[in-house]
PDB file of N, CA and C in Angstrom:
ATOM      1  N   MET A   1    -142.469 -87.923 -50.850  1.00  0.00           N
ATOM      2  CA  MET A   1    -142.003 -88.929 -51.772  1.00  0.00           C
ATOM      3  C   MET A   1    -143.082 -89.997 -51.923  1.00  0.00           C
ATOM      4  N   PRO A   2    -143.446 -90.341 -53.141  1.00  0.00           N
ATOM      5  CA  PRO A   2    -144.484 -91.354 -53.364  1.00  0.00           C
ATOM      6  C   PRO A   2    -144.061 -92.735 -52.867  1.00  0.00           C
ATOM      7  N   VAL A   3    -145.024 -93.506 -52.379  1.00  0.00           N
ATOM      8  CA  VAL A   3    -144.744 -94.893 -51.996  1.00  0.00           C
ATOM      9  C   VAL A   3    -144.953 -95.827 -53.184  1.00  0.00           C
ATOM     10  N   VAL A   4    -145.759 -95.377 -54.163  1.00  0.00           N
ATOM     11  CA  VAL A   4    -145.985 -96.139 -55.395  1.00  0.00           C
ATOM     12  C   VAL A   4    -146.080 -95.148 -56.545  1.00  0.00           C
ATOM     13  N   GLN A   5    -145.447 -95.494 -57.674  1.00  0.00           N
ATOM     14  CA  GLN A   5    -145.551 -94.683 -58.885  1.00  0.00           C
ATOM     15  C   GLN A   5    -145.964 -95.584 -60.040  1.00  0.00           C
ATOM     16  N   SER A   6    -146.759 -95.030 -60.954  1.00  0.00           N
ATOM     17  CA  SER A   6    -147.242 -95.814 -62.080  1.00  0.00           C
ATOM     18  C   SER A   6    -147.327 -94.946 -63.323  1.00  0.00           C
ATOM     19  N   LEU A   7    -147.035 -95.545 -64.456  1.00  0.00           N
ATOM     20  CA  LEU A   7    -147.310 -94.890 -65.733  1.00  0.00           C
ATOM     21  C   LEU A   7    -148.648 -95.424 -66.209  1.00  0.00           C
ATOM     22  N   GLY A   8    -149.578 -94.547 -66.499  1.00  0.00           N
ATOM     23  CA  GLY A   8    -150.896 -94.973 -66.938  1.00  0.00           C
ATOM     24  C   GLY A   8    -151.783 -95.377 -65.777  1.00  0.00           C
ATOM     25  N   ARG A   9    -153.002 -95.735 -66.119  1.00  0.00           N
ATOM     26  CA  ARG A   9    -153.967 -96.156 -65.103  1.00  0.00           C
ATOM     27  C   ARG A   9    -154.925 -97.154 -65.721  1.00  0.00           C
ATOM     28  N   ASN A  10    -155.637 -97.870 -64.883  1.00  0.00           N
ATOM     29  CA  ASN A  10    -156.634 -98.832 -65.347  1.00  0.00           C
ATOM     30  C   ASN A  10    -158.013 -98.213 -65.262  1.00  0.00           C
ATOM     31  N   LYS A  11    -158.818 -98.432 -66.284  1.00  0.00           N
ATOM     32  CA  LYS A  11    -160.218 -98.006 -66.292  1.00  0.00           C
ATOM     33  C   LYS A  11    -161.061 -99.239 -66.594  1.00  0.00           C
ATOM     34  N   ALA A  12    -162.355 -99.127 -66.439  1.00  0.00           N
ATOM     35  CA  ALA A  12    -163.253-100.242 -66.741  1.00  0.00           C
ATOM     36  C   ALA A  12    -163.124-100.673 -68.201  1.00  0.00           C
ATOM     37  N   THR A  13    -162.741 -99.733 -69.065  1.00  0.00           N
ATOM     38  CA  THR A  13    -162.610-100.025 -70.500  1.00  0.00           C
ATOM     39  C   THR A  13    -161.209-100.498 -70.876  1.00  0.00           C
ATOM     40  N   GLY A  14    -160.302-100.567 -69.892  1.00  0.00           N
ATOM     41  CA  GLY A  14    -158.938-101.025 -70.154  1.00  0.00           C
ATOM     42  C   GLY A  14    -157.922 -99.968 -69.779  1.00  0.00           C
ATOM     43  N   PRO A  15    -156.650-100.177 -70.148  1.00  0.00           N
ATOM     44  CA  PRO A  15    -155.586 -99.213 -69.821  1.00  0.00           C
ATOM     45  C   PRO A  15    -155.853 -97.831 -70.424  1.00  0.00           C
ATOM     46  N   ALA A  16    -155.397 -96.783 -69.725  1.00  0.00           N
ATOM     47  CA  ALA A  16    -155.597 -95.412 -70.209  1.00  0.00           C
ATOM     48  C   ALA A  16    -154.409 -94.547 -69.807  1.00  0.00           C
ATOM     49  N   ASN A  17    -154.207 -93.479 -70.537  1.00  0.00           N
ATOM     50  CA  ASN A  17    -153.176 -92.479 -70.244  1.00  0.00           C
ATOM     51  C   ASN A  17    -151.803 -93.110 -69.977  1.00  0.00           C
ATOM     52  N   PRO A  18    -151.257 -93.892 -70.897  1.00  0.00           N
ATOM     53  CA  PRO A  18    -150.016 -94.623 -70.645  1.00  0.00           C
ATOM     54  C   PRO A  18    -148.772 -93.747 -70.446  1.00  0.00           C
ATOM     55  N   THR A  19    -148.843 -92.471 -70.791  1.00  0.00           N
ATOM     56  CA  THR A  19    -147.682 -91.599 -70.609  1.00  0.00           C
ATOM     57  C   THR A  19    -147.815 -90.688 -69.388  1.00  0.00           C
ATOM     58  N   ASN A  20    -148.954 -90.741 -68.697  1.00  0.00           N
ATOM     59  CA  ASN A  20    -149.157 -89.927 -67.488  1.00  0.00           C
ATOM     60  C   ASN A  20    -148.578 -90.631 -66.273  1.00  0.00           C
ATOM     61  N   HIS A  21    -147.977 -89.858 -65.379  1.00  0.00           N
ATOM     62  CA  HIS A  21    -147.438 -90.389 -64.121  1.00  0.00           C
ATOM     63  C   HIS A  21    -148.507 -90.280 -63.040  1.00  0.00           C
ATOM     64  N   TYR A  22    -148.717 -91.352 -62.315  1.00  0.00           N
ATOM     65  CA  TYR A  22    -149.651 -91.373 -61.195  1.00  0.00           C
ATOM     66  C   TYR A  22    -148.875 -91.783 -59.954  1.00  0.00           C
ATOM     67  N   ASP A  23    -149.059 -91.047 -58.860  1.00  0.00           N
ATOM     68  CA  ASP A  23    -148.322 -91.285 -57.625  1.00  0.00           C
ATOM     69  C   ASP A  23    -149.285 -91.556 -56.474  1.00  0.00           C
ATOM     70  N   LEU A  24    -148.882 -92.437 -55.576  1.00  0.00           N
ATOM     71  CA  LEU A  24    -149.637 -92.739 -54.366  1.00  0.00           C
ATOM     72  C   LEU A  24    -148.768 -92.359 -53.176  1.00  0.00           C
ATOM     73  N   TYR A  25    -149.329 -91.571 -52.269  1.00  0.00           N
ATOM     74  CA  TYR A  25    -148.586 -91.071 -51.108  1.00  0.00           C
ATOM     75  C   TYR A  25    -149.189 -91.599 -49.816  1.00  0.00           C
ATOM     76  N   LEU A  26    -148.377 -91.666 -48.792  1.00  0.00           N
ATOM     77  CA  LEU A  26    -148.807 -92.039 -47.450  1.00  0.00           C
ATOM     78  C   LEU A  26    -148.359 -90.932 -46.510  1.00  0.00           C
ATOM     79  N   LEU A  27    -149.248 -90.516 -45.632  1.00  0.00           N
ATOM     80  CA  LEU A  27    -148.907 -89.461 -44.678  1.00  0.00           C
ATOM     81  C   LEU A  27    -149.447 -89.837 -43.310  1.00  0.00           C
ATOM     82  N   SER A  28    -148.604 -89.736 -42.317  1.00  0.00           N
ATOM     83  CA  SER A  28    -149.023 -89.921 -40.931  1.00  0.00           C
ATOM     84  C   SER A  28    -148.816 -88.596 -40.210  1.00  0.00           C
ATOM     85  N   ALA A  29    -149.772 -88.235 -39.389  1.00  0.00           N
ATOM     86  CA  ALA A  29    -149.666 -86.992 -38.628  1.00  0.00           C
ATOM     87  C   ALA A  29    -149.972 -87.287 -37.163  1.00  0.00           C
ATOM     88  N   PRO A  30    -149.079 -86.917 -36.258  1.00  0.00           N
ATOM     89  CA  PRO A  30    -149.326 -87.172 -34.839  1.00  0.00           C
ATOM     90  C   PRO A  30    -150.455 -86.285 -34.295  1.00  0.00           C
ATOM     91  N   ILE A  31    -151.201 -86.839 -33.372  1.00  0.00           N
ATOM     92  CA  ILE A  31    -152.281 -86.094 -32.720  1.00  0.00           C
ATOM     93  C   ILE A  31    -151.972 -86.087 -31.221  1.00  0.00           C
ATOM     94  N   VAL A  32    -152.134 -84.953 -30.602  1.00  0.00           N
ATOM     95  CA  VAL A  32    -151.856 -84.810 -29.173  1.00  0.00           C
ATOM     96  C   VAL A  32    -152.820 -85.703 -28.388  1.00  0.00           C
ATOM     97  N   ALA A  33    -152.265 -86.510 -27.473  1.00  0.00           N
ATOM     98  CA  ALA A  33    -153.085 -87.403 -26.651  1.00  0.00           C
ATOM     99  C   ALA A  33    -154.143 -86.609 -25.901  1.00  0.00           C
ATOM    100  N   GLY A  34    -155.374 -87.121 -25.876  1.00  0.00           N
ATOM    101  CA  GLY A  34    -156.462 -86.467 -25.170  1.00  0.00           C
ATOM    102  C   GLY A  34    -157.240 -85.491 -26.034  1.00  0.00           C
ATOM    103  N   LYS A  35    -156.734 -85.177 -27.215  1.00  0.00           N
ATOM    104  CA  LYS A  35    -157.435 -84.263 -28.131  1.00  0.00           C
ATOM    105  C   LYS A  35    -158.344 -85.069 -29.052  1.00  0.00           C
ATOM    106  N   THR A  36    -159.366 -84.436 -29.597  1.00  0.00           N
ATOM    107  CA  THR A  36    -160.290 -85.062 -30.536  1.00  0.00           C
ATOM    108  C   THR A  36    -160.194 -84.366 -31.879  1.00  0.00           C
ATOM    109  N   VAL A  37    -160.126 -85.140 -32.950  1.00  0.00           N
ATOM    110  CA  VAL A  37    -160.111 -84.565 -34.296  1.00  0.00           C
ATOM    111  C   VAL A  37    -161.532 -84.121 -34.618  1.00  0.00           C
ATOM    112  N   ALA A  38    -161.708 -82.831 -34.879  1.00  0.00           N
ATOM    113  CA  ALA A  38    -163.031 -82.285 -35.178  1.00  0.00           C
ATOM    114  C   ALA A  38    -163.289 -82.247 -36.677  1.00  0.00           C
ATOM    115  N   SER A  39    -162.233 -82.040 -37.483  1.00  0.00           N
ATOM    116  CA  SER A  39    -162.417 -81.991 -38.934  1.00  0.00           C
ATOM    117  C   SER A  39    -161.067 -82.170 -39.617  1.00  0.00           C
ATOM    118  N   VAL A  40    -161.132 -82.526 -40.883  1.00  0.00           N
ATOM    119  CA  VAL A  40    -159.953 -82.647 -41.738  1.00  0.00           C
ATOM    120  C   VAL A  40    -160.257 -81.875 -43.015  1.00  0.00           C
ATOM    121  N   SER A  41    -159.407 -80.933 -43.377  1.00  0.00           N
ATOM    122  CA  SER A  41    -159.612 -80.119 -44.578  1.00  0.00           C
ATOM    123  C   SER A  41    -158.720 -80.624 -45.699  1.00  0.00           C
ATOM    124  N   MET A  42    -159.291 -80.736 -46.893  1.00  0.00           N
ATOM    125  CA  MET A  42    -158.559 -81.197 -48.072  1.00  0.00           C
ATOM    126  C   MET A  42    -158.633 -80.137 -49.170  1.00  0.00           C
ATOM    127  N   PRO A  43    -157.667 -80.148 -50.081  1.00  0.00           N
ATOM    128  CA  PRO A  43    -157.728 -79.215 -51.216  1.00  0.00           C
ATOM    129  C   PRO A  43    -158.984 -79.460 -52.050  1.00  0.00           C
ATOM    130  N   THR A  44    -159.460 -78.426 -52.703  1.00  0.00           N
ATOM    131  CA  THR A  44    -160.684 -78.552 -53.519  1.00  0.00           C
ATOM    132  C   THR A  44    -160.407 -78.348 -55.000  1.00  0.00           C
ATOM    133  N   ASN A  45    -159.158 -78.587 -55.431  1.00  0.00           N
ATOM    134  CA  ASN A  45    -158.809 -78.339 -56.825  1.00  0.00           C
ATOM    135  C   ASN A  45    -159.213 -79.457 -57.782  1.00  0.00           C
ATOM    136  N   GLY A  46    -159.761 -80.567 -57.289  1.00  0.00           N
ATOM    137  CA  GLY A  46    -160.196 -81.655 -58.150  1.00  0.00           C
ATOM    138  C   GLY A  46    -159.075 -82.582 -58.589  1.00  0.00           C
ATOM    139  N   LEU A  47    -157.835 -82.289 -58.228  1.00  0.00           N
ATOM    140  CA  LEU A  47    -156.703 -83.124 -58.622  1.00  0.00           C
ATOM    141  C   LEU A  47    -156.224 -84.014 -57.475  1.00  0.00           C
ATOM    142  N   PHE A  48    -156.913 -83.933 -56.364  1.00  0.00           N
ATOM    143  CA  PHE A  48    -156.502 -84.618 -55.143  1.00  0.00           C
ATOM    144  C   PHE A  48    -157.590 -85.606 -54.770  1.00  0.00           C
ATOM    145  N   HIS A  49    -157.240 -86.869 -54.588  1.00  0.00           N
ATOM    146  CA  HIS A  49    -158.219 -87.888 -54.238  1.00  0.00           C
ATOM    147  C   HIS A  49    -157.777 -88.594 -52.964  1.00  0.00           C
ATOM    148  N   VAL A  50    -158.689 -88.757 -52.025  1.00  0.00           N
ATOM    149  CA  VAL A  50    -158.413 -89.482 -50.791  1.00  0.00           C
ATOM    150  C   VAL A  50    -159.084 -90.841 -50.900  1.00  0.00           C
ATOM    151  N   PHE A  51    -158.294 -91.911 -50.766  1.00  0.00           N
ATOM    152  CA  PHE A  51    -158.834 -93.256 -50.864  1.00  0.00           C
ATOM    153  C   PHE A  51    -159.104 -93.865 -49.493  1.00  0.00           C
ATOM    154  N   ALA A  52    -158.438 -93.359 -48.477  1.00  0.00           N
ATOM    155  CA  ALA A  52    -158.675 -93.842 -47.112  1.00  0.00           C
ATOM    156  C   ALA A  52    -158.172 -92.813 -46.115  1.00  0.00           C
ATOM    157  N   LEU A  53    -158.873 -92.714 -45.003  1.00  0.00           N
ATOM    158  CA  LEU A  53    -158.466 -91.831 -43.918  1.00  0.00           C
ATOM    159  C   LEU A  53    -158.838 -92.535 -42.617  1.00  0.00           C
ATOM    160  N   THR A  54    -157.875 -92.659 -41.724  1.00  0.00           N
ATOM    161  CA  THR A  54    -158.109 -93.349 -40.458  1.00  0.00           C
ATOM    162  C   THR A  54    -157.616 -92.472 -39.315  1.00  0.00           C
ATOM    163  N   VAL A  55    -158.427 -92.342 -38.296  1.00  0.00           N
ATOM    164  CA  VAL A  55    -158.035 -91.669 -37.073  1.00  0.00           C
ATOM    165  C   VAL A  55    -158.031 -92.733 -35.987  1.00  0.00           C
ATOM    166  N   ALA A  56    -156.867 -92.928 -35.364  1.00  0.00           N
ATOM    167  CA  ALA A  56    -156.736 -93.971 -34.360  1.00  0.00           C
ATOM    168  C   ALA A  56    -155.940 -93.450 -33.175  1.00  0.00           C
ATOM    169  N   PRO A  57    -156.203 -93.972 -31.988  1.00  0.00           N
ATOM    170  CA  PRO A  57    -155.446 -93.545 -30.813  1.00  0.00           C
ATOM    171  C   PRO A  57    -153.991 -94.004 -30.890  1.00  0.00           C
TER     172      PRO A  57
END
């Protein structure tokens, strides 16, 4: 479920795509204590954008 939904988006030239739906999601994933994250794999379809990723104890 999205945490934020928007119709349209902002570009440097002004508002764009006013009828398109844009969603922002948040995901938390538990990591087993004592383990180290070696890599994170993301889809490569070009429709998925990661704005931030944090690994914390």
